[in-house]
Amino acid sequence: MRIAVDAMGSDYAPREIVLGAIAAAEEYQCEVVLVGDQEQIAQVLNTYGDWQSIGISIQHASEVIEMHEHPGAAVRKKKDASVVVATRLVKEGICDAVVSAGSTGAAVASALFGLGRIKGIERPSIATHIPNLVGTTILLDSGANVDSKPKNLVQSAIMGSIYAEYVLGVSQPRVGLLNIGEEDSKGNEQVLATFPLLKQLQTIHFIGNVEGRDIFNGMVDVVVCDGFVGNVVLKTGEGLVSFFTTLIKETIASSGWMAKLAALLILPRVKKLKKKLDYAEYGGAPLLGVNGGFIICHGSSKAKAIKNAIRVAREFSEQKVVEHISENIAKEGGSANE
């Protein structure tokens, strides 16, 4: 298994990207091709030692797509950008999947132009892991498409269910449509038109409408919505975690010695909770619907997140998620393309 990694993406590139790649190569025994400025990457690798022996190599790329650049225009113009070159390695069969923590827009554009869509898929979706009380909920789309048609949501439901089954190991994943109420009659025009289409599907376990709180209580495995709503949900969740973490720290710091002693006693539990809420544990979000493995990471990803994203990329490829999506879209036929 060989994974291409955009070494110039993220706020902490290339150092944290390279360190994450080293950790992944050692722990998961997979080959990693670091794509980007050869000199900068080698400077970090040389502090490790014999990095070639653990399956790491460098593919030079002279350009980088910055966050402020228009994604489509930059991908077309910068043919030697790190994310474009990494995607090309997958297209040419040299690598099995690509990982990038750079511009999300550039990642989506590069995947669409470089890999193309799976036959029958109109628009790809970003599937994001969100921790719940008993495990993980997959939310999609979390940002690839801000305006979605009902058939796009239907296709997202099929893809999300496949990902949950084959990568997360969930038997018959429960799929819900995000709405403002559970009743069939509630929702905007988009949701009302999508609901009956999802009920017709034979390849997913659709449980009906779900509300925002259901994402976190563990009653659903896959939640479907358009990219605008999904991204708002995702960013709100991130903000709440940060808010409560800061609030707890400030409360403990301003309390008396007994409260601080109590805090020390529950510290192991707090650390366990922090680990569950840490996005770095989940690595990255797969871009489902493109004809190849493409894992998109948070822009502030450090070594731990990159290591886990490479793990996700390896599992994605080993479980042949692209092939399963293609098969299920074909099975559903018109139901997935109305």
Protein backbone atom coordinates (compact mmCIF):
# COMPACT_ATOMS: atom_id res chain seq x y z
CA MET A 1 0.00 0.00 0.00
CA ARG A 2 1.44 3.35 -1.04
CA ILE A 3 -0.05 6.69 0.09
CA ALA A 4 0.75 10.07 -1.50
CA VAL A 5 0.86 12.91 1.04
CA ASP A 6 0.71 16.60 0.17
CA ALA A 7 3.63 17.70 2.35
CA MET A 8 3.09 21.42 1.75
CA GLY A 9 -0.52 21.57 2.95
CA SER A 10 -1.57 22.62 6.50
CA ASP A 11 -0.50 25.47 8.73
CA TYR A 12 2.45 23.46 10.01
CA ALA A 13 3.87 22.13 6.75
CA PRO A 14 6.19 20.53 6.00
CA ARG A 15 7.53 19.60 9.45
CA GLU A 16 4.36 18.21 11.04
CA ILE A 17 3.33 16.50 7.81
CA VAL A 18 6.69 14.76 7.54
CA LEU A 19 6.68 13.70 11.21
CA GLY A 20 3.18 12.28 10.78
CA ALA A 21 4.30 10.37 7.70
CA ILE A 22 7.25 8.87 9.59
CA ALA A 23 4.96 7.75 12.41
CA ALA A 24 2.48 6.21 9.94
CA ALA A 25 5.16 4.40 7.96
CA GLU A 26 6.53 2.87 11.17
CA GLU A 27 3.18 1.93 12.74
CA TYR A 28 1.16 0.88 9.71
CA GLN A 29 3.95 -0.55 7.54
CA CYS A 30 2.77 1.33 4.46
CA GLU A 31 4.84 3.25 1.94
CA VAL A 32 4.47 7.03 1.96
CA VAL A 33 5.38 9.38 -0.88
CA LEU A 34 5.87 12.92 0.42
CA VAL A 35 5.02 15.43 -2.32
CA GLY A 36 6.40 18.95 -2.21
CA ASP A 37 9.62 20.93 -2.00
CA GLN A 38 12.34 18.27 -1.93
CA GLU A 39 14.86 20.34 0.00
CA GLN A 40 12.45 21.33 2.78
CA ILE A 41 11.10 17.80 3.15
CA ALA A 42 14.59 16.26 3.20
CA GLN A 43 15.71 18.66 5.94
CA VAL A 44 13.04 17.27 8.26
CA LEU A 45 13.52 13.66 7.19
CA ASN A 46 17.28 13.80 7.75
CA THR A 47 16.73 14.47 11.45
CA TYR A 48 15.16 11.01 11.63
CA GLY A 49 17.94 8.96 10.08
CA ASP A 50 17.51 6.20 7.51
CA TRP A 51 14.00 7.20 6.42
CA GLN A 52 14.19 5.29 3.12
CA SER A 53 14.33 2.01 5.04
CA ILE A 54 10.83 2.50 6.48
CA GLY A 55 9.25 3.09 3.08
CA ILE A 56 9.32 6.87 2.70
CA SER A 57 10.22 8.63 -0.55
CA ILE A 58 10.01 12.16 -1.94
CA GLN A 59 8.29 13.39 -5.10
CA HIS A 60 9.37 16.94 -5.83
CA ALA A 61 6.70 19.54 -6.58
CA SER A 62 7.75 23.13 -7.12
CA GLU A 63 4.43 24.89 -6.43
CA VAL A 64 1.91 25.27 -3.61
CA ILE A 65 -1.74 26.34 -3.79
CA GLU A 66 -2.33 28.96 -1.11
CA MET A 67 -5.55 29.31 0.90
CA HIS A 68 -6.48 32.65 -0.69
CA GLU A 69 -6.29 31.36 -4.27
CA HIS A 70 -9.36 30.39 -6.29
CA PRO A 71 -9.31 26.57 -6.13
CA GLY A 72 -10.34 25.72 -9.71
CA ALA A 73 -8.17 28.38 -11.32
CA ALA A 74 -5.15 27.47 -9.17
CA VAL A 75 -5.43 23.74 -9.93
CA ARG A 76 -5.58 24.47 -13.67
CA LYS A 77 -2.71 26.94 -13.57
CA LYS A 78 -0.34 25.28 -11.12
CA LYS A 79 0.29 21.91 -12.72
CA ASP A 80 3.25 21.28 -10.41
CA ALA A 81 1.43 22.15 -7.16
CA SER A 82 1.93 19.57 -4.42
CA VAL A 83 -1.75 18.57 -4.18
CA VAL A 84 -2.04 18.30 -7.97
CA VAL A 85 1.07 16.12 -8.25
CA ALA A 86 -0.07 13.92 -5.34
CA THR A 87 -3.43 13.41 -7.05
CA ARG A 88 -1.70 12.58 -10.33
CA LEU A 89 0.25 9.80 -8.58
CA VAL A 90 -3.06 8.15 -7.68
CA LYS A 91 -4.47 8.67 -11.16
CA GLU A 92 -1.42 7.00 -12.71
CA GLY A 93 -1.64 4.05 -10.31
CA ILE A 94 1.65 4.83 -8.59
CA CYS A 95 -0.10 5.47 -5.28
CA ASP A 96 -3.33 4.08 -3.82
CA ALA A 97 -4.69 7.22 -2.14
CA VAL A 98 -3.80 10.82 -1.36
CA VAL A 99 -3.84 12.81 1.89
CA SER A 100 -3.92 16.61 1.98
CA ALA A 101 -4.31 19.20 4.74
CA GLY A 102 -4.16 22.16 2.39
CA SER A 103 -7.01 24.22 0.95
CA THR A 104 -10.21 22.15 0.97
CA GLY A 105 -11.37 23.84 -2.21
CA ALA A 106 -8.11 23.01 -3.95
CA ALA A 107 -8.31 19.41 -2.73
CA VAL A 108 -11.84 18.98 -4.10
CA ALA A 109 -10.91 20.65 -7.40
CA SER A 110 -7.77 18.56 -7.75
CA ALA A 111 -9.68 15.36 -7.07
CA LEU A 112 -12.42 16.25 -9.56
CA PHE A 113 -10.02 17.28 -12.33
CA GLY A 114 -7.39 14.64 -11.61
CA LEU A 115 -9.43 11.58 -10.65
CA GLY A 116 -12.88 12.31 -12.02
CA ARG A 117 -16.19 11.16 -10.55
CA ILE A 118 -17.40 7.61 -10.04
CA LYS A 119 -19.89 6.75 -12.79
CA GLY A 120 -23.37 7.84 -11.68
CA ILE A 121 -22.15 10.32 -9.04
CA GLU A 122 -22.95 13.91 -9.88
CA ARG A 123 -21.18 15.60 -6.95
CA PRO A 124 -18.74 14.24 -4.37
CA SER A 125 -19.28 14.66 -0.63
CA ILE A 126 -16.94 15.15 2.32
CA ALA A 127 -17.71 12.61 5.06
CA THR A 128 -16.65 13.82 8.50
CA HIS A 129 -16.35 11.77 11.70
CA ILE A 130 -18.24 13.30 14.64
CA PRO A 131 -17.94 11.61 18.06
CA ASN A 132 -21.19 10.57 19.73
CA LEU A 133 -22.06 8.94 23.06
CA VAL A 134 -21.41 5.41 21.81
CA GLY A 135 -19.02 5.81 18.87
CA THR A 136 -18.97 7.91 15.73
CA THR A 137 -21.50 9.57 13.45
CA ILE A 138 -20.57 10.21 9.82
CA LEU A 139 -21.81 13.62 8.64
CA LEU A 140 -21.99 14.35 4.94
CA ASP A 141 -21.75 16.56 3.12
CA SER A 142 -19.61 18.74 5.39
CA GLY A 143 -18.46 21.27 2.83
CA ALA A 144 -17.91 20.06 -0.73
CA ASN A 145 -21.26 21.39 -2.07
CA VAL A 146 -23.14 24.31 -0.54
CA ASP A 147 -26.11 23.87 -2.88
CA SER A 148 -27.33 20.31 -3.29
CA LYS A 149 -30.19 18.75 -5.19
CA PRO A 150 -32.23 15.88 -3.70
CA LYS A 151 -30.36 13.34 -5.86
CA ASN A 152 -27.06 14.63 -4.46
CA LEU A 153 -28.29 13.91 -0.93
CA VAL A 154 -29.48 10.46 -2.02
CA GLN A 155 -26.06 9.67 -3.46
CA SER A 156 -24.42 10.97 -0.27
CA ALA A 157 -26.58 8.60 1.76
CA ILE A 158 -25.45 5.62 -0.31
CA MET A 159 -21.79 6.62 -0.11
CA GLY A 160 -21.89 7.38 3.61
CA SER A 161 -23.54 4.05 4.37
CA ILE A 162 -20.85 2.19 2.42
CA TYR A 163 -18.05 4.06 4.18
CA ALA A 164 -19.55 3.36 7.63
CA GLU A 165 -19.94 -0.32 6.79
CA TYR A 166 -16.59 -1.08 5.17
CA VAL A 167 -14.23 1.32 6.96
CA LEU A 168 -15.88 1.73 10.38
CA GLY A 169 -17.22 -1.82 10.48
CA VAL A 170 -20.84 -0.87 11.22
CA SER A 171 -23.32 -3.56 10.22
CA GLN A 172 -26.36 -2.07 8.45
CA PRO A 173 -25.55 1.58 9.25
CA ARG A 174 -28.58 3.66 10.26
CA VAL A 175 -28.93 6.57 7.84
CA GLY A 176 -30.87 9.71 8.79
CA LEU A 177 -31.83 12.88 6.91
CA LEU A 178 -31.03 16.03 8.91
CA ASN A 179 -34.19 18.04 9.48
CA ILE A 180 -35.89 20.38 11.95
CA GLY A 181 -38.18 17.60 13.15
CA GLU A 182 -38.76 13.87 12.84
CA GLU A 183 -42.15 14.13 11.12
CA ASP A 184 -42.27 13.27 7.41
CA SER A 185 -44.07 16.54 6.66
CA LYS A 186 -41.39 18.84 8.10
CA GLY A 187 -38.50 20.55 6.34
CA ASN A 188 -37.72 22.82 3.41
CA GLU A 189 -38.36 21.93 -0.22
CA GLN A 190 -35.01 20.20 -0.58
CA VAL A 191 -35.57 17.88 2.40
CA LEU A 192 -39.21 17.19 1.54
CA ALA A 193 -38.20 16.12 -1.95
CA THR A 194 -35.31 13.99 -0.68
CA PHE A 195 -37.23 12.01 1.96
CA PRO A 196 -39.33 9.82 -0.38
CA LEU A 197 -36.30 9.13 -2.58
CA LEU A 198 -34.34 7.82 0.41
CA LYS A 199 -37.27 5.60 1.42
CA GLN A 200 -37.11 3.92 -1.99
CA LEU A 201 -33.47 2.87 -1.67
CA GLN A 202 -32.77 -0.83 -1.25
CA THR A 203 -29.08 -0.65 -0.34
CA ILE A 204 -29.29 1.51 2.82
CA HIS A 205 -31.06 1.33 6.18
CA PHE A 206 -32.92 4.65 6.17
CA ILE A 207 -34.47 5.50 9.56
CA GLY A 208 -36.12 8.78 8.51
CA ASN A 209 -35.61 12.37 9.62
CA VAL A 210 -33.23 13.12 12.47
CA GLU A 211 -32.54 16.33 14.36
CA GLY A 212 -29.25 18.01 15.21
CA ARG A 213 -29.10 16.47 18.70
CA ASP A 214 -29.29 12.99 17.20
CA ILE A 215 -25.83 13.45 15.67
CA PHE A 216 -24.38 13.26 19.18
CA ASN A 217 -26.67 10.85 21.04
CA GLY A 218 -25.70 7.79 18.99
CA MET A 219 -29.09 6.96 17.49
CA VAL A 220 -27.82 7.33 13.91
CA ASP A 221 -24.62 6.24 12.14
CA VAL A 222 -24.82 8.41 9.01
CA VAL A 223 -26.42 11.87 8.78
CA VAL A 224 -27.10 13.43 5.38
CA CYS A 225 -27.44 17.13 4.59
CA ASP A 226 -26.10 19.65 2.09
CA GLY A 227 -22.60 21.07 2.43
CA PHE A 228 -23.73 24.46 3.72
CA VAL A 229 -25.68 23.02 6.64
CA GLY A 230 -23.08 20.31 7.26
CA ASN A 231 -20.22 22.77 7.50
CA VAL A 232 -22.16 24.98 9.92
CA VAL A 233 -22.88 21.91 12.09
CA LEU A 234 -19.22 20.88 11.98
CA LYS A 235 -17.81 24.32 12.84
CA THR A 236 -20.40 24.84 15.58
CA GLY A 237 -19.41 21.52 17.13
CA GLU A 238 -15.72 22.45 17.02
CA GLY A 239 -16.50 25.79 18.63
CA LEU A 240 -18.52 24.19 21.44
CA VAL A 241 -15.73 21.78 22.29
CA SER A 242 -13.26 24.66 22.51
CA PHE A 243 -15.75 26.75 24.52
CA PHE A 244 -16.44 24.09 27.13
CA THR A 245 -12.77 23.11 27.44
CA THR A 246 -11.78 26.73 28.11
CA LEU A 247 -14.71 27.23 30.50
CA ILE A 248 -13.79 24.17 32.55
CA LYS A 249 -10.15 25.25 32.81
CA GLU A 250 -11.09 28.77 33.87
CA THR A 251 -13.59 27.50 36.42
CA ILE A 252 -11.05 25.16 38.01
CA ALA A 253 -8.34 27.83 38.03
CA SER A 254 -10.58 30.30 39.88
CA SER A 255 -11.84 27.74 42.42
CA GLY A 256 -10.53 26.79 45.84
CA TRP A 257 -8.12 24.01 46.72
CA MET A 258 -10.87 21.41 47.22
CA ALA A 259 -12.18 21.94 43.69
CA LYS A 260 -8.66 21.66 42.33
CA LEU A 261 -8.13 18.42 44.26
CA ALA A 262 -11.36 17.04 42.84
CA ALA A 263 -10.19 18.02 39.38
CA LEU A 264 -7.00 16.00 39.87
CA LEU A 265 -9.07 12.95 40.83
CA ILE A 266 -11.13 13.08 37.64
CA LEU A 267 -8.17 14.03 35.42
CA PRO A 268 -7.84 10.53 33.86
CA ARG A 269 -11.50 10.65 32.79
CA VAL A 270 -11.07 14.16 31.43
CA LYS A 271 -8.11 13.02 29.34
CA LYS A 272 -10.17 10.13 27.97
CA LEU A 273 -12.95 12.57 27.06
CA LYS A 274 -10.48 14.96 25.44
CA LYS A 275 -9.11 12.12 23.31
CA LYS A 276 -12.63 11.20 22.14
CA LEU A 277 -13.30 14.81 21.10
CA ASP A 278 -9.92 15.37 19.44
CA TYR A 279 -10.27 15.55 15.62
CA ALA A 280 -6.67 14.37 15.32
CA GLU A 281 -7.81 10.92 16.48
CA TYR A 282 -9.96 10.59 13.34
CA GLY A 283 -7.24 11.83 10.98
CA GLY A 284 -9.17 13.18 8.03
CA ALA A 285 -12.42 13.14 6.10
CA PRO A 286 -12.73 11.09 2.89
CA LEU A 287 -13.97 12.82 -0.24
CA LEU A 288 -16.54 10.28 -1.39
CA GLY A 289 -17.64 10.05 -5.00
CA VAL A 290 -14.35 10.63 -6.79
CA ASN A 291 -12.62 7.80 -8.60
CA GLY A 292 -9.87 7.22 -6.05
CA GLY A 293 -9.04 7.57 -2.36
CA PHE A 294 -8.74 11.18 -1.25
CA ILE A 295 -8.54 12.13 2.44
CA ILE A 296 -8.94 15.80 3.41
CA CYS A 297 -7.44 16.93 6.73
CA HIS A 298 -7.99 19.94 8.95
CA GLY A 299 -5.79 22.91 8.02
CA SER A 300 -4.22 22.95 11.49
CA SER A 301 -3.36 19.25 11.41
CA LYS A 302 -0.20 18.21 13.20
CA ALA A 303 1.73 14.95 13.10
CA LYS A 304 -0.85 12.88 15.01
CA ALA A 305 -3.68 13.88 12.67
CA ILE A 306 -1.59 13.21 9.57
CA LYS A 307 -0.57 9.80 10.89
CA ASN A 308 -4.20 8.86 11.45
CA ALA A 309 -5.25 10.30 8.08
CA ILE A 310 -2.75 7.98 6.41
CA ARG A 311 -4.33 5.11 8.35
CA VAL A 312 -7.76 6.12 7.05
CA ALA A 313 -6.39 6.34 3.49
CA ARG A 314 -4.92 2.85 3.79
CA GLU A 315 -8.18 1.38 5.15
CA PHE A 316 -10.18 3.19 2.46
CA SER A 317 -8.10 1.59 -0.26
CA GLU A 318 -7.89 -1.86 1.35
CA GLN A 319 -11.68 -2.01 1.74
CA LYS A 320 -12.20 -1.00 -1.91
CA VAL A 321 -14.69 1.74 -1.02
CA VAL A 322 -14.68 3.20 -4.53
CA GLU A 323 -15.64 -0.16 -6.04
CA HIS A 324 -18.44 -0.68 -3.50
CA ILE A 325 -19.87 2.79 -4.16
CA SER A 326 -19.83 2.14 -7.90
CA GLU A 327 -21.63 -1.19 -7.44
CA ASN A 328 -24.34 0.23 -5.16
CA ILE A 329 -24.99 3.29 -7.33
CA ALA A 330 -25.45 0.94 -10.27
CA LYS A 331 -27.82 -1.27 -8.23
CA GLU A 332 -30.03 1.67 -7.27
CA GLY A 333 -30.14 2.92 -10.88
CA GLY A 334 -32.82 5.58 -11.30
CA SER A 335 -33.51 5.88 -7.57
CA ALA A 336 -30.07 7.41 -7.08
CA ASN A 337 -30.27 9.71 -10.10
CA GLU A 338 -33.79 11.19 -10.06
